[in-house]
Amino acid sequence: MRDEVQDYYGKQLQGTEDLQTNACCDQAPPNWLKPILASIHDEVLAKYYGCGLVAPQELEGMRILDLGSGSGRDCYVLSKLVGESGEVVGVDMTPEQLAVARRHEEYHRETFGYSRSNVRFLEGYIEQLDELGLEDNYFDIVISNCVINLSPDKEKVLSEVFRVLMPGGEFYFSDVYSDRRIPSRLKDDPVLYGECLSGALYWNDFHNLSRAVGFTDPRLVEDRPLTIDNETIEAKLAPARFFSATYRLFKLGDLEPHCEDYGQAVIYKGTVEGEEALFRLDKHHHIEAGRVFPVCGNTWKMLADTRFAPHFEFIGNFERHYGIFEGCGTALPFDSADTSDTASGGCC
């Protein structure tokens, strides 16, 4: 299947107009990101096949790894966001895509006004980061955009991500998920697989895989249903439903399997650039500046033991336990239709 994917993205697809479904179609960027995207080279944009936005908060000076970096769009956006003191490494297995990314490295260095490029691209497999010489506990953040569904060994990808992340680091990525397990016979269809559908993980299998490799409490940031927009392909996959979803996974060794209540709360200082009024940790934690916001023990650690700690005041400790945090559940986490972005509390 690796050969099929390389052929699909390296030779068959010449641009986004060649895609046969909307699974790999990008969503509208926020206003603050539009000027950066406008500065990205046209060829890099034309060869982009992501399904979400992978630009988490607080990136200045960060070391970031992009899995399945393709033509380099996300790498170059992040190159601007981390600044000249940061570092961005892209890994991809498709020579044609890497060629596009590499030939515009100097263009983006000059566009951003850097004295040196802070981006490099490596050819290899995202399941075998060790063979590329990528060190343990090195990266602050790992990102990926609609690529893990294409991997034949998703557990190995997640374990490699866990290995290269520094303690307190974060895997922030978008991908395609299904509401059930896809029949194995459909995974042999190169179009269904290349369109990011038949290789998509059942969402609960993804949660279990994440926990198995050390990412104890996966947090859903945002999601949207995929309509596919191809009747022939829809008929092959029916009645499965598909979703584009962004998750963040933290490398924190002492997170608990469930969200436990220790009577804690945080107060957001309003100091994260671009989120001065409201900090969005995940889909269920939109934290208003200046307001006492109750959190479970895991959320406390995701804020206190990561790069976000300077932006919060912390109330309470772990001395007394009050049971499960109210509102935790195990149902399908995705919305079946678009919903408004409203402030909310509680647990994932």
C-alpha atoms as a PDB file:
ATOM      1  CA  MET A   1       0.000   0.000   0.000  1.00  0.00           C
ATOM      2  CA  ARG A   2       2.966   2.338   0.513  1.00  0.00           C
ATOM      3  CA  ASP A   3       3.729   2.058  -3.210  1.00  0.00           C
ATOM      4  CA  GLU A   4       0.096   2.798  -4.055  1.00  0.00           C
ATOM      5  CA  VAL A   5       0.084   5.891  -1.830  1.00  0.00           C
ATOM      6  CA  GLN A   6       3.385   7.135  -3.260  1.00  0.00           C
ATOM      7  CA  ASP A   7       2.032   6.724  -6.782  1.00  0.00           C
ATOM      8  CA  TYR A   8      -1.273   8.415  -5.920  1.00  0.00           C
ATOM      9  CA  TYR A   9       0.281  11.497  -4.310  1.00  0.00           C
ATOM     10  CA  GLY A  10       3.426  11.629  -6.404  1.00  0.00           C
ATOM     11  CA  LYS A  11       2.123  10.941  -9.907  1.00  0.00           C
ATOM     12  CA  GLN A  12      -1.672  10.699 -10.175  1.00  0.00           C
ATOM     13  CA  LEU A  13      -2.517  13.855  -8.214  1.00  0.00           C
ATOM     14  CA  GLN A  14      -1.220  16.993  -9.861  1.00  0.00           C
ATOM     15  CA  GLY A  15      -3.273  19.341  -7.685  1.00  0.00           C
ATOM     16  CA  THR A  16      -6.283  19.483  -5.374  1.00  0.00           C
ATOM     17  CA  GLU A  17      -8.641  19.483  -8.364  1.00  0.00           C
ATOM     18  CA  ASP A  18      -7.639  15.835  -9.018  1.00  0.00           C
ATOM     19  CA  LEU A  19      -9.015  14.612  -5.694  1.00  0.00           C
ATOM     20  CA  GLN A  20     -12.160  12.488  -6.067  1.00  0.00           C
ATOM     21  CA  THR A  21     -13.716  13.310  -2.670  1.00  0.00           C
ATOM     22  CA  ASN A  22     -13.664  16.165  -0.164  1.00  0.00           C
ATOM     23  CA  ALA A  23     -11.905  14.140   2.554  1.00  0.00           C
ATOM     24  CA  CYS A  24      -8.595  15.924   1.950  1.00  0.00           C
ATOM     25  CA  CYS A  25     -10.060  19.365   1.378  1.00  0.00           C
ATOM     26  CA  ASP A  26      -8.846  22.063   3.741  1.00  0.00           C
ATOM     27  CA  GLN A  27     -11.146  24.109   5.943  1.00  0.00           C
ATOM     28  CA  ALA A  28     -11.310  27.891   5.905  1.00  0.00           C
ATOM     29  CA  PRO A  29      -8.376  29.382   7.868  1.00  0.00           C
ATOM     30  CA  PRO A  30      -8.877  31.874  10.693  1.00  0.00           C
ATOM     31  CA  ASN A  31      -8.268  35.523   9.834  1.00  0.00           C
ATOM     32  CA  TRP A  32      -4.954  35.701  11.716  1.00  0.00           C
ATOM     33  CA  LEU A  33      -3.510  32.873   9.578  1.00  0.00           C
ATOM     34  CA  LYS A  34      -4.577  34.253   6.179  1.00  0.00           C
ATOM     35  CA  PRO A  35      -1.650  36.717   5.759  1.00  0.00           C
ATOM     36  CA  ILE A  36       0.860  33.904   6.377  1.00  0.00           C
ATOM     37  CA  LEU A  37      -0.874  31.569   3.921  1.00  0.00           C
ATOM     38  CA  ALA A  38      -0.882  34.368   1.351  1.00  0.00           C
ATOM     39  CA  SER A  39       2.922  34.467   1.587  1.00  0.00           C
ATOM     40  CA  ILE A  40       3.359  30.755   0.788  1.00  0.00           C
ATOM     41  CA  HIS A  41       4.551  29.931  -2.743  1.00  0.00           C
ATOM     42  CA  ASP A  42       1.735  29.096  -5.201  1.00  0.00           C
ATOM     43  CA  GLU A  43       3.155  25.693  -6.175  1.00  0.00           C
ATOM     44  CA  VAL A  44       3.401  24.642  -2.530  1.00  0.00           C
ATOM     45  CA  LEU A  45      -0.256  25.584  -2.016  1.00  0.00           C
ATOM     46  CA  ALA A  46      -1.398  23.827  -5.199  1.00  0.00           C
ATOM     47  CA  LYS A  47       0.127  20.503  -4.073  1.00  0.00           C
ATOM     48  CA  TYR A  48      -1.363  20.608  -0.575  1.00  0.00           C
ATOM     49  CA  TYR A  49      -3.776  17.816   0.440  1.00  0.00           C
ATOM     50  CA  GLY A  50      -4.452  18.358   4.165  1.00  0.00           C
ATOM     51  CA  CYS A  51      -7.823  18.088   5.921  1.00  0.00           C
ATOM     52  CA  GLY A  52      -7.472  20.496   8.840  1.00  0.00           C
ATOM     53  CA  LEU A  53      -5.452  23.250  10.490  1.00  0.00           C
ATOM     54  CA  VAL A  54      -2.378  22.317  12.508  1.00  0.00           C
ATOM     55  CA  ALA A  55      -1.218  25.563  14.070  1.00  0.00           C
ATOM     56  CA  PRO A  56      -1.477  25.244  17.874  1.00  0.00           C
ATOM     57  CA  GLN A  57      -0.856  28.168  20.217  1.00  0.00           C
ATOM     58  CA  GLU A  58       2.477  29.452  21.592  1.00  0.00           C
ATOM     59  CA  LEU A  59       4.958  28.427  18.889  1.00  0.00           C
ATOM     60  CA  GLU A  60       7.729  31.031  19.161  1.00  0.00           C
ATOM     61  CA  GLY A  61      11.096  29.272  19.395  1.00  0.00           C
ATOM     62  CA  MET A  62       9.577  25.766  19.262  1.00  0.00           C
ATOM     63  CA  ARG A  63      11.125  22.706  17.592  1.00  0.00           C
ATOM     64  CA  ILE A  64       8.407  21.115  15.431  1.00  0.00           C
ATOM     65  CA  LEU A  65       8.245  17.892  13.407  1.00  0.00           C
ATOM     66  CA  ASP A  66       5.706  17.535  10.562  1.00  0.00           C
ATOM     67  CA  LEU A  67       4.796  13.936   9.659  1.00  0.00           C
ATOM     68  CA  GLY A  68       3.839  13.544   6.004  1.00  0.00           C
ATOM     69  CA  SER A  69       4.888  17.102   5.174  1.00  0.00           C
ATOM     70  CA  GLY A  70       4.077  16.770   1.458  1.00  0.00           C
ATOM     71  CA  SER A  71       4.721  19.942  -0.523  1.00  0.00           C
ATOM     72  CA  GLY A  72       5.697  21.765   2.677  1.00  0.00           C
ATOM     73  CA  ARG A  73       2.771  24.114   3.195  1.00  0.00           C
ATOM     74  CA  ASP A  74       2.362  23.482   6.908  1.00  0.00           C
ATOM     75  CA  CYS A  75       6.132  23.447   7.427  1.00  0.00           C
ATOM     76  CA  TYR A  76       6.482  26.910   5.918  1.00  0.00           C
ATOM     77  CA  VAL A  77       3.510  28.292   7.861  1.00  0.00           C
ATOM     78  CA  LEU A  78       5.046  26.945  11.059  1.00  0.00           C
ATOM     79  CA  SER A  79       8.439  28.279  10.000  1.00  0.00           C
ATOM     80  CA  LYS A  80       6.959  31.755  10.210  1.00  0.00           C
ATOM     81  CA  LEU A  81       5.175  31.060  13.509  1.00  0.00           C
ATOM     82  CA  VAL A  82       8.210  29.618  15.348  1.00  0.00           C
ATOM     83  CA  GLY A  83      10.426  32.497  14.229  1.00  0.00           C
ATOM     84  CA  GLU A  84      14.053  32.329  13.150  1.00  0.00           C
ATOM     85  CA  SER A  85      15.086  30.815  16.485  1.00  0.00           C
ATOM     86  CA  GLY A  86      12.713  27.873  16.025  1.00  0.00           C
ATOM     87  CA  GLU A  87      13.149  24.743  13.931  1.00  0.00           C
ATOM     88  CA  VAL A  88      10.788  22.834  11.628  1.00  0.00           C
ATOM     89  CA  VAL A  89      11.538  19.372  10.206  1.00  0.00           C
ATOM     90  CA  GLY A  90       9.321  17.777   7.565  1.00  0.00           C
ATOM     91  CA  VAL A  91       9.254  14.026   6.853  1.00  0.00           C
ATOM     92  CA  ASP A  92       7.663  12.570   3.726  1.00  0.00           C
ATOM     93  CA  MET A  93       8.085   9.406   1.643  1.00  0.00           C
ATOM     94  CA  THR A  94       7.084  10.885  -1.743  1.00  0.00           C
ATOM     95  CA  PRO A  95      10.042  12.225  -3.780  1.00  0.00           C
ATOM     96  CA  GLU A  96       7.841  14.366  -6.035  1.00  0.00           C
ATOM     97  CA  GLN A  97       6.285  16.164  -3.063  1.00  0.00           C
ATOM     98  CA  LEU A  98       9.660  16.632  -1.366  1.00  0.00           C
ATOM     99  CA  ALA A  99      11.050  18.149  -4.556  1.00  0.00           C
ATOM    100  CA  VAL A 100       8.325  20.813  -4.488  1.00  0.00           C
ATOM    101  CA  ALA A 101       8.988  21.601  -0.828  1.00  0.00           C
ATOM    102  CA  ARG A 102      12.765  21.784  -1.187  1.00  0.00           C
ATOM    103  CA  ARG A 103      12.923  23.999  -4.245  1.00  0.00           C
ATOM    104  CA  HIS A 104      11.040  26.785  -2.455  1.00  0.00           C
ATOM    105  CA  GLU A 105      13.095  26.795   0.738  1.00  0.00           C
ATOM    106  CA  GLU A 106      15.099  29.873  -0.260  1.00  0.00           C
ATOM    107  CA  TYR A 107      11.940  31.664  -1.432  1.00  0.00           C
ATOM    108  CA  HIS A 108      10.388  31.365   2.027  1.00  0.00           C
ATOM    109  CA  ARG A 109      13.603  32.267   3.835  1.00  0.00           C
ATOM    110  CA  GLU A 110      13.728  35.533   1.888  1.00  0.00           C
ATOM    111  CA  THR A 111       9.963  36.128   2.262  1.00  0.00           C
ATOM    112  CA  PHE A 112      10.177  35.810   6.053  1.00  0.00           C
ATOM    113  CA  GLY A 113      13.372  37.859   6.229  1.00  0.00           C
ATOM    114  CA  TYR A 114      15.459  35.178   7.937  1.00  0.00           C
ATOM    115  CA  SER A 115      19.253  35.118   7.776  1.00  0.00           C
ATOM    116  CA  ARG A 116      19.107  31.324   7.543  1.00  0.00           C
ATOM    117  CA  SER A 117      16.434  28.768   6.770  1.00  0.00           C
ATOM    118  CA  ASN A 118      14.841  27.161   9.824  1.00  0.00           C
ATOM    119  CA  VAL A 119      13.230  24.351   7.789  1.00  0.00           C
ATOM    120  CA  ARG A 120      14.612  21.046   6.511  1.00  0.00           C
ATOM    121  CA  PHE A 121      12.962  18.095   4.774  1.00  0.00           C
ATOM    122  CA  LEU A 122      13.803  14.397   5.181  1.00  0.00           C
ATOM    123  CA  GLU A 123      12.762  11.528   2.919  1.00  0.00           C
ATOM    124  CA  GLY A 124      11.530   8.538   4.887  1.00  0.00           C
ATOM    125  CA  TYR A 125       8.653   6.753   6.546  1.00  0.00           C
ATOM    126  CA  ILE A 126       6.737   8.180   9.479  1.00  0.00           C
ATOM    127  CA  GLU A 127       6.772   4.722  11.090  1.00  0.00           C
ATOM    128  CA  GLN A 128      10.599   4.718  11.065  1.00  0.00           C
ATOM    129  CA  LEU A 129      11.708   8.069  12.456  1.00  0.00           C
ATOM    130  CA  ASP A 130      14.600   6.350  14.231  1.00  0.00           C
ATOM    131  CA  GLU A 131      16.141   5.514  10.832  1.00  0.00           C
ATOM    132  CA  LEU A 132      16.207   9.247  10.034  1.00  0.00           C
ATOM    133  CA  GLY A 133      18.342   9.983  13.089  1.00  0.00           C
ATOM    134  CA  LEU A 134      15.595  11.848  14.941  1.00  0.00           C
ATOM    135  CA  GLU A 135      16.474  11.861  18.631  1.00  0.00           C
ATOM    136  CA  ASP A 136      14.488  10.848  21.696  1.00  0.00           C
ATOM    137  CA  ASN A 137      12.811  13.658  23.660  1.00  0.00           C
ATOM    138  CA  TYR A 138      13.813  16.331  21.130  1.00  0.00           C
ATOM    139  CA  PHE A 139      10.737  18.021  19.637  1.00  0.00           C
ATOM    140  CA  ASP A 140       8.397  20.368  21.494  1.00  0.00           C
ATOM    141  CA  ILE A 141       5.542  19.643  19.091  1.00  0.00           C
ATOM    142  CA  VAL A 142       4.798  17.051  16.414  1.00  0.00           C
ATOM    143  CA  ILE A 143       2.111  17.824  13.836  1.00  0.00           C
ATOM    144  CA  SER A 144       0.495  15.902  10.990  1.00  0.00           C
ATOM    145  CA  ASN A 145      -2.236  16.799   8.524  1.00  0.00           C
ATOM    146  CA  CYS A 146      -4.376  14.019   7.052  1.00  0.00           C
ATOM    147  CA  VAL A 147      -1.523  11.504   6.818  1.00  0.00           C
ATOM    148  CA  ILE A 148      -1.725   8.942   9.638  1.00  0.00           C
ATOM    149  CA  ASN A 149      -4.768   7.314   8.004  1.00  0.00           C
ATOM    150  CA  LEU A 150      -2.433   6.455   5.099  1.00  0.00           C
ATOM    151  CA  SER A 151       0.015   4.574   7.323  1.00  0.00           C
ATOM    152  CA  PRO A 152      -0.073   0.742   7.348  1.00  0.00           C
ATOM    153  CA  ASP A 153       1.157   0.718  10.976  1.00  0.00           C
ATOM    154  CA  LYS A 154      -0.576   3.450  12.923  1.00  0.00           C
ATOM    155  CA  GLU A 155       0.492   2.165  16.337  1.00  0.00           C
ATOM    156  CA  LYS A 156       4.143   2.410  15.292  1.00  0.00           C
ATOM    157  CA  VAL A 157       3.601   5.996  14.143  1.00  0.00           C
ATOM    158  CA  LEU A 158       2.120   6.961  17.499  1.00  0.00           C
ATOM    159  CA  SER A 159       4.891   5.212  19.432  1.00  0.00           C
ATOM    160  CA  GLU A 160       7.550   6.995  17.366  1.00  0.00           C
ATOM    161  CA  VAL A 161       5.847  10.325  18.003  1.00  0.00           C
ATOM    162  CA  PHE A 162       5.865   9.595  21.727  1.00  0.00           C
ATOM    163  CA  ARG A 163       9.573   8.750  21.553  1.00  0.00           C
ATOM    164  CA  VAL A 164      10.717  11.941  19.800  1.00  0.00           C
ATOM    165  CA  LEU A 165       8.550  14.307  21.870  1.00  0.00           C
ATOM    166  CA  MET A 166      10.125  15.939  24.890  1.00  0.00           C
ATOM    167  CA  PRO A 167       8.329  15.485  28.248  1.00  0.00           C
ATOM    168  CA  GLY A 168       5.436  17.933  28.294  1.00  0.00           C
ATOM    169  CA  GLY A 169       5.480  18.023  24.497  1.00  0.00           C
ATOM    170  CA  GLU A 170       2.426  17.751  22.289  1.00  0.00           C
ATOM    171  CA  PHE A 171       1.209  15.848  19.258  1.00  0.00           C
ATOM    172  CA  TYR A 172      -1.237  18.202  17.514  1.00  0.00           C
ATOM    173  CA  PHE A 173      -2.707  16.797  14.318  1.00  0.00           C
ATOM    174  CA  SER A 174      -5.680  16.536  11.972  1.00  0.00           C
ATOM    175  CA  ASP A 175      -6.868  13.332  10.355  1.00  0.00           C
ATOM    176  CA  VAL A 176      -9.888  11.415   9.059  1.00  0.00           C
ATOM    177  CA  TYR A 177     -11.820   9.055  11.356  1.00  0.00           C
ATOM    178  CA  SER A 178     -14.821   6.780  10.928  1.00  0.00           C
ATOM    179  CA  ASP A 179     -17.727   5.950  13.215  1.00  0.00           C
ATOM    180  CA  ARG A 180     -17.005   2.208  12.799  1.00  0.00           C
ATOM    181  CA  ARG A 181     -14.276  -0.168  11.641  1.00  0.00           C
ATOM    182  CA  ILE A 182     -13.907  -0.244   7.842  1.00  0.00           C
ATOM    183  CA  PRO A 183     -14.025  -3.734   6.224  1.00  0.00           C
ATOM    184  CA  SER A 184     -10.547  -4.993   5.342  1.00  0.00           C
ATOM    185  CA  ARG A 185     -11.524  -5.633   1.700  1.00  0.00           C
ATOM    186  CA  LEU A 186     -11.996  -1.887   1.162  1.00  0.00           C
ATOM    187  CA  LYS A 187      -8.466  -1.151   2.360  1.00  0.00           C
ATOM    188  CA  ASP A 188      -7.110  -2.806  -0.790  1.00  0.00           C
ATOM    189  CA  ASP A 189      -8.819  -0.212  -2.992  1.00  0.00           C
ATOM    190  CA  PRO A 190      -6.065   2.298  -3.904  1.00  0.00           C
ATOM    191  CA  VAL A 191      -8.501   5.145  -4.584  1.00  0.00           C
ATOM    192  CA  LEU A 192     -10.441   4.684  -1.334  1.00  0.00           C
ATOM    193  CA  TYR A 193      -7.154   4.438   0.552  1.00  0.00           C
ATOM    194  CA  GLY A 194      -5.491   7.315  -1.269  1.00  0.00           C
ATOM    195  CA  GLU A 195      -8.520   9.524  -0.636  1.00  0.00           C
ATOM    196  CA  CYS A 196      -7.935   9.048   3.127  1.00  0.00           C
ATOM    197  CA  LEU A 197     -11.106   7.008   3.673  1.00  0.00           C
ATOM    198  CA  SER A 198     -10.605   3.231   3.820  1.00  0.00           C
ATOM    199  CA  GLY A 199      -7.473   3.633   5.948  1.00  0.00           C
ATOM    200  CA  ALA A 200      -9.250   5.866   8.456  1.00  0.00           C
ATOM    201  CA  LEU A 201      -9.280   4.625  12.028  1.00  0.00           C
ATOM    202  CA  TYR A 202     -12.478   3.940  13.930  1.00  0.00           C
ATOM    203  CA  TRP A 203     -12.360   6.742  16.503  1.00  0.00           C
ATOM    204  CA  ASN A 204     -12.417   4.445  19.544  1.00  0.00           C
ATOM    205  CA  ASP A 205      -9.584   2.315  18.138  1.00  0.00           C
ATOM    206  CA  PHE A 206      -7.590   5.527  17.812  1.00  0.00           C
ATOM    207  CA  HIS A 207      -8.255   6.419  21.454  1.00  0.00           C
ATOM    208  CA  ASN A 208      -7.156   2.946  22.555  1.00  0.00           C
ATOM    209  CA  LEU A 209      -4.002   3.019  20.411  1.00  0.00           C
ATOM    210  CA  SER A 210      -3.092   6.428  21.788  1.00  0.00           C
ATOM    211  CA  ARG A 211      -3.403   5.241  25.363  1.00  0.00           C
ATOM    212  CA  ALA A 212      -1.433   2.058  24.611  1.00  0.00           C
ATOM    213  CA  VAL A 213       1.654   4.017  23.525  1.00  0.00           C
ATOM    214  CA  GLY A 214       1.500   6.518  26.401  1.00  0.00           C
ATOM    215  CA  PHE A 215      -0.875   9.302  25.321  1.00  0.00           C
ATOM    216  CA  THR A 216      -3.297   8.625  28.158  1.00  0.00           C
ATOM    217  CA  ASP A 217      -5.972  11.280  27.617  1.00  0.00           C
ATOM    218  CA  PRO A 218      -6.553  12.209  23.921  1.00  0.00           C
ATOM    219  CA  ARG A 219      -8.211  15.608  23.582  1.00  0.00           C
ATOM    220  CA  LEU A 220     -10.470  16.438  20.638  1.00  0.00           C
ATOM    221  CA  VAL A 221      -9.928  20.047  19.537  1.00  0.00           C
ATOM    222  CA  GLU A 222     -12.427  20.328  16.696  1.00  0.00           C
ATOM    223  CA  ASP A 223     -14.218  18.168  14.148  1.00  0.00           C
ATOM    224  CA  ARG A 224     -16.495  18.339  11.143  1.00  0.00           C
ATOM    225  CA  PRO A 225     -18.416  15.700   9.164  1.00  0.00           C
ATOM    226  CA  LEU A 226     -17.144  14.732   5.711  1.00  0.00           C
ATOM    227  CA  THR A 227     -19.769  14.412   2.995  1.00  0.00           C
ATOM    228  CA  ILE A 228     -17.388  12.734   0.466  1.00  0.00           C
ATOM    229  CA  ASP A 229     -19.310  14.250  -2.509  1.00  0.00           C
ATOM    230  CA  ASN A 230     -18.813  11.214  -4.742  1.00  0.00           C
ATOM    231  CA  GLU A 231     -21.841   8.914  -5.028  1.00  0.00           C
ATOM    232  CA  THR A 232     -19.866   5.905  -6.276  1.00  0.00           C
ATOM    233  CA  ILE A 233     -17.376   6.069  -3.424  1.00  0.00           C
ATOM    234  CA  GLU A 234     -20.115   6.798  -0.880  1.00  0.00           C
ATOM    235  CA  ALA A 235     -21.967   3.663  -1.979  1.00  0.00           C
ATOM    236  CA  LYS A 236     -18.861   1.513  -1.468  1.00  0.00           C
ATOM    237  CA  LEU A 237     -18.339   2.833   2.054  1.00  0.00           C
ATOM    238  CA  ALA A 238     -21.968   3.045   3.239  1.00  0.00           C
ATOM    239  CA  PRO A 239     -23.212   3.151   5.935  1.00  0.00           C
ATOM    240  CA  ALA A 240     -19.950   4.337   7.532  1.00  0.00           C
ATOM    241  CA  ARG A 241     -19.692   8.028   8.407  1.00  0.00           C
ATOM    242  CA  PHE A 242     -16.428   9.969   8.272  1.00  0.00           C
ATOM    243  CA  PHE A 243     -15.124  12.978  10.146  1.00  0.00           C
ATOM    244  CA  SER A 244     -12.170  15.306   9.888  1.00  0.00           C
ATOM    245  CA  ALA A 245     -10.903  15.835  13.426  1.00  0.00           C
ATOM    246  CA  THR A 246      -8.027  17.609  15.132  1.00  0.00           C
ATOM    247  CA  TYR A 247      -6.606  16.096  18.313  1.00  0.00           C
ATOM    248  CA  ARG A 248      -3.935  17.102  20.771  1.00  0.00           C
ATOM    249  CA  LEU A 249      -2.047  14.449  22.743  1.00  0.00           C
ATOM    250  CA  PHE A 250       0.331  15.426  25.532  1.00  0.00           C
ATOM    251  CA  LYS A 251       3.399  13.468  26.610  1.00  0.00           C
ATOM    252  CA  LEU A 252       2.703  13.588  30.326  1.00  0.00           C
ATOM    253  CA  GLY A 253       3.558  10.427  32.214  1.00  0.00           C
ATOM    254  CA  ASP A 254       1.168  10.789  35.139  1.00  0.00           C
ATOM    255  CA  LEU A 255      -2.168  11.431  33.411  1.00  0.00           C
ATOM    256  CA  GLU A 256      -5.027   9.223  34.569  1.00  0.00           C
ATOM    257  CA  PRO A 257      -7.204   6.992  32.318  1.00  0.00           C
ATOM    258  CA  HIS A 258     -10.284   9.043  33.219  1.00  0.00           C
ATOM    259  CA  CYS A 259     -10.865  12.653  34.148  1.00  0.00           C
ATOM    260  CA  GLU A 260     -10.762  12.735  37.939  1.00  0.00           C
ATOM    261  CA  ASP A 261     -12.033  15.575  40.126  1.00  0.00           C
ATOM    262  CA  TYR A 262      -9.657  17.058  42.720  1.00  0.00           C
ATOM    263  CA  GLY A 263     -11.582  20.288  43.230  1.00  0.00           C
ATOM    264  CA  GLN A 264      -9.136  22.257  41.091  1.00  0.00           C
ATOM    265  CA  ALA A 265      -9.529  25.320  38.917  1.00  0.00           C
ATOM    266  CA  VAL A 266      -7.446  27.605  36.718  1.00  0.00           C
ATOM    267  CA  ILE A 267      -7.575  31.286  35.819  1.00  0.00           C
ATOM    268  CA  TYR A 268      -6.440  32.227  32.327  1.00  0.00           C
ATOM    269  CA  LYS A 269      -4.361  35.432  32.240  1.00  0.00           C
ATOM    270  CA  GLY A 270      -5.281  36.329  28.644  1.00  0.00           C
ATOM    271  CA  THR A 271      -1.642  36.329  27.557  1.00  0.00           C
ATOM    272  CA  VAL A 272      -1.595  33.874  24.631  1.00  0.00           C
ATOM    273  CA  GLU A 273      -1.262  35.842  21.403  1.00  0.00           C
ATOM    274  CA  GLY A 274      -4.407  35.589  19.291  1.00  0.00           C
ATOM    275  CA  GLU A 275      -6.463  34.148  22.163  1.00  0.00           C
ATOM    276  CA  GLU A 276      -6.448  37.052  24.586  1.00  0.00           C
ATOM    277  CA  ALA A 277     -10.154  36.722  25.460  1.00  0.00           C
ATOM    278  CA  LEU A 278     -10.619  32.959  25.238  1.00  0.00           C
ATOM    279  CA  PHE A 279      -8.072  30.127  25.383  1.00  0.00           C
ATOM    280  CA  ARG A 280      -9.133  26.964  23.544  1.00  0.00           C
ATOM    281  CA  LEU A 281      -7.442  23.904  24.969  1.00  0.00           C
ATOM    282  CA  ASP A 282      -9.853  21.515  23.302  1.00  0.00           C
ATOM    283  CA  LYS A 283     -13.467  21.226  22.197  1.00  0.00           C
ATOM    284  CA  HIS A 284     -14.756  21.177  25.777  1.00  0.00           C
ATOM    285  CA  HIS A 285     -12.351  23.622  27.417  1.00  0.00           C
ATOM    286  CA  HIS A 286     -12.824  27.182  26.150  1.00  0.00           C
ATOM    287  CA  ILE A 287     -11.400  29.169  29.046  1.00  0.00           C
ATOM    288  CA  GLU A 288     -12.342  32.842  29.413  1.00  0.00           C
ATOM    289  CA  ALA A 289      -9.651  35.233  30.584  1.00  0.00           C
ATOM    290  CA  GLY A 290      -9.933  36.229  34.229  1.00  0.00           C
ATOM    291  CA  ARG A 291     -12.610  33.675  35.095  1.00  0.00           C
ATOM    292  CA  VAL A 292     -12.227  30.849  37.614  1.00  0.00           C
ATOM    293  CA  PHE A 293     -12.601  27.713  35.497  1.00  0.00           C
ATOM    294  CA  PRO A 294     -13.022  24.281  37.207  1.00  0.00           C
ATOM    295  CA  VAL A 295     -10.865  21.528  35.665  1.00  0.00           C
ATOM    296  CA  CYS A 296     -10.111  17.866  36.202  1.00  0.00           C
ATOM    297  CA  GLY A 297      -6.688  16.668  37.286  1.00  0.00           C
ATOM    298  CA  ASN A 298      -5.599  15.790  33.749  1.00  0.00           C
ATOM    299  CA  THR A 299      -6.512  19.216  32.387  1.00  0.00           C
ATOM    300  CA  TRP A 300      -4.646  20.829  35.274  1.00  0.00           C
ATOM    301  CA  LYS A 301      -1.476  18.932  34.264  1.00  0.00           C
ATOM    302  CA  MET A 302      -1.939  19.728  30.559  1.00  0.00           C
ATOM    303  CA  LEU A 303      -1.757  23.391  31.513  1.00  0.00           C
ATOM    304  CA  ALA A 304       0.646  23.300  34.473  1.00  0.00           C
ATOM    305  CA  ASP A 305       3.272  20.897  33.065  1.00  0.00           C
ATOM    306  CA  THR A 306       3.517  22.231  29.489  1.00  0.00           C
ATOM    307  CA  ARG A 307       4.445  25.429  27.651  1.00  0.00           C
ATOM    308  CA  PHE A 308       1.093  26.913  28.712  1.00  0.00           C
ATOM    309  CA  ALA A 309       1.936  27.168  32.439  1.00  0.00           C
ATOM    310  CA  PRO A 310       3.004  30.858  32.419  1.00  0.00           C
ATOM    311  CA  HIS A 311      -0.406  31.855  31.072  1.00  0.00           C
ATOM    312  CA  PHE A 312      -2.453  30.495  33.997  1.00  0.00           C
ATOM    313  CA  GLU A 313      -2.970  30.779  37.719  1.00  0.00           C
ATOM    314  CA  PHE A 314      -3.611  27.456  39.437  1.00  0.00           C
ATOM    315  CA  ILE A 315      -6.038  26.869  42.306  1.00  0.00           C
ATOM    316  CA  GLY A 316      -5.960  23.699  44.430  1.00  0.00           C
ATOM    317  CA  ASN A 317      -3.801  20.586  44.511  1.00  0.00           C
ATOM    318  CA  PHE A 318      -4.115  16.782  44.411  1.00  0.00           C
ATOM    319  CA  GLU A 319      -4.565  16.188  48.135  1.00  0.00           C
ATOM    320  CA  ARG A 320      -8.283  15.346  48.021  1.00  0.00           C
ATOM    321  CA  HIS A 321     -10.223  13.328  45.435  1.00  0.00           C
ATOM    322  CA  TYR A 322     -13.928  13.911  44.688  1.00  0.00           C
ATOM    323  CA  GLY A 323     -14.586  11.125  42.162  1.00  0.00           C
ATOM    324  CA  ILE A 324     -15.039  11.268  38.399  1.00  0.00           C
ATOM    325  CA  PHE A 325     -15.257  14.721  36.847  1.00  0.00           C
ATOM    326  CA  GLU A 326     -18.869  15.429  35.937  1.00  0.00           C
ATOM    327  CA  GLY A 327     -19.702  15.187  32.247  1.00  0.00           C
ATOM    328  CA  CYS A 328     -17.174  12.574  31.130  1.00  0.00           C
ATOM    329  CA  GLY A 329     -18.555  10.072  28.617  1.00  0.00           C
ATOM    330  CA  THR A 330     -17.619   7.438  26.048  1.00  0.00           C
ATOM    331  CA  ALA A 331     -20.036   8.084  23.152  1.00  0.00           C
ATOM    332  CA  LEU A 332     -19.043   9.141  19.636  1.00  0.00           C
ATOM    333  CA  PRO A 333     -17.222  12.435  20.260  1.00  0.00           C
ATOM    334  CA  PHE A 334     -17.822  14.078  16.884  1.00  0.00           C
ATOM    335  CA  ASP A 335     -20.702  16.327  15.858  1.00  0.00           C
ATOM    336  CA  SER A 336     -22.900  15.007  13.040  1.00  0.00           C
ATOM    337  CA  ALA A 337     -23.392  18.552  11.750  1.00  0.00           C
ATOM    338  CA  ASP A 338     -21.573  21.864  12.143  1.00  0.00           C
ATOM    339  CA  THR A 339     -22.238  23.616  15.451  1.00  0.00           C
ATOM    340  CA  SER A 340     -21.553  27.153  16.598  1.00  0.00           C
ATOM    341  CA  ASP A 341     -18.371  27.936  18.493  1.00  0.00           C
ATOM    342  CA  THR A 342     -19.643  28.636  21.983  1.00  0.00           C
ATOM    343  CA  ALA A 343     -17.703  28.834  25.228  1.00  0.00           C
ATOM    344  CA  SER A 344     -18.022  25.714  27.303  1.00  0.00           C
ATOM    345  CA  GLY A 345     -16.546  24.009  30.333  1.00  0.00           C
ATOM    346  CA  GLY A 346     -16.340  20.458  31.534  1.00  0.00           C
ATOM    347  CA  CYS A 347     -14.382  17.486  30.393  1.00  0.00           C
ATOM    348  CA  CYS A 348     -13.654  15.705  27.104  1.00  0.00           C
END
